[in-house]
Amino acid sequence: MARFVALLLAGLLINATLGAATTIAFVLLCALVATCRVTMQRARQMQAEDAGQV
């Protein structure tokens, strides 16, 4: 019984750790995508301004 409880607790701990890591990775991925979108918009805007000035 004690071994079962220990395995259960270890499983819950691993699950919580993986869940937190997955959540952090997802948040970082979303931030990266948002940053890329903003950068691409700025690049397009700069290209449009350059094209307009010529």
Protein backbone atom coordinates (compact mmCIF):
# COMPACT_ATOMS: atom_id res chain seq x y z
CA MET A 1 0.00 0.00 0.00
CA ALA A 2 2.80 2.42 0.87
CA ARG A 3 4.52 1.66 -2.43
CA PHE A 4 1.29 2.37 -4.31
CA VAL A 5 0.88 5.73 -2.53
CA ALA A 6 4.52 6.60 -3.25
CA LEU A 7 4.08 5.76 -6.94
CA LEU A 8 0.85 7.76 -7.05
CA LEU A 9 2.52 10.80 -5.50
CA ALA A 10 5.50 10.48 -7.84
CA GLY A 11 3.15 10.24 -10.81
CA LEU A 12 1.25 13.33 -9.70
CA LEU A 13 4.48 15.24 -9.19
CA ILE A 14 5.78 14.27 -12.65
CA ASN A 15 2.41 15.12 -14.20
CA ALA A 16 2.37 18.54 -12.51
CA THR A 17 5.95 19.23 -13.59
CA LEU A 18 5.24 18.24 -17.19
CA GLY A 19 2.04 20.28 -17.13
CA ALA A 20 3.89 23.35 -15.90
CA ALA A 21 6.66 22.86 -18.45
CA THR A 22 4.10 22.46 -21.24
CA THR A 23 2.25 25.59 -20.12
CA ILE A 24 5.48 27.61 -19.96
CA ALA A 25 6.53 26.34 -23.40
CA PHE A 26 3.11 27.24 -24.84
CA VAL A 27 3.27 30.76 -23.38
CA LEU A 28 6.80 31.25 -24.73
CA LEU A 29 5.70 30.00 -28.15
CA CYS A 30 2.77 32.44 -28.20
CA ALA A 31 5.07 35.30 -27.20
CA LEU A 32 7.52 34.33 -29.94
CA VAL A 33 4.76 34.23 -32.58
CA ALA A 34 3.43 37.61 -31.43
CA THR A 35 6.92 39.10 -31.60
CA CYS A 36 7.43 37.70 -35.10
CA ARG A 37 4.11 39.17 -36.26
CA VAL A 38 4.97 42.62 -34.91
CA THR A 39 8.43 42.44 -36.48
CA MET A 40 6.96 41.43 -39.85
CA GLN A 41 4.42 44.28 -39.69
CA ARG A 42 7.19 46.78 -38.95
CA ALA A 43 9.30 45.40 -41.79
CA ARG A 44 6.38 45.71 -44.23
CA GLN A 45 5.68 49.23 -43.01
CA MET A 46 9.31 50.22 -43.50
CA GLN A 47 9.32 48.69 -46.99
CA ALA A 48 6.15 50.60 -47.86
CA GLU A 49 7.69 53.84 -46.58
CA ASP A 50 10.87 53.18 -48.55
CA ALA A 51 8.85 52.46 -51.69
CA GLY A 52 6.83 55.63 -51.17
CA GLN A 53 9.90 57.81 -50.75
CA VAL A 54 11.54 56.66 -53.98
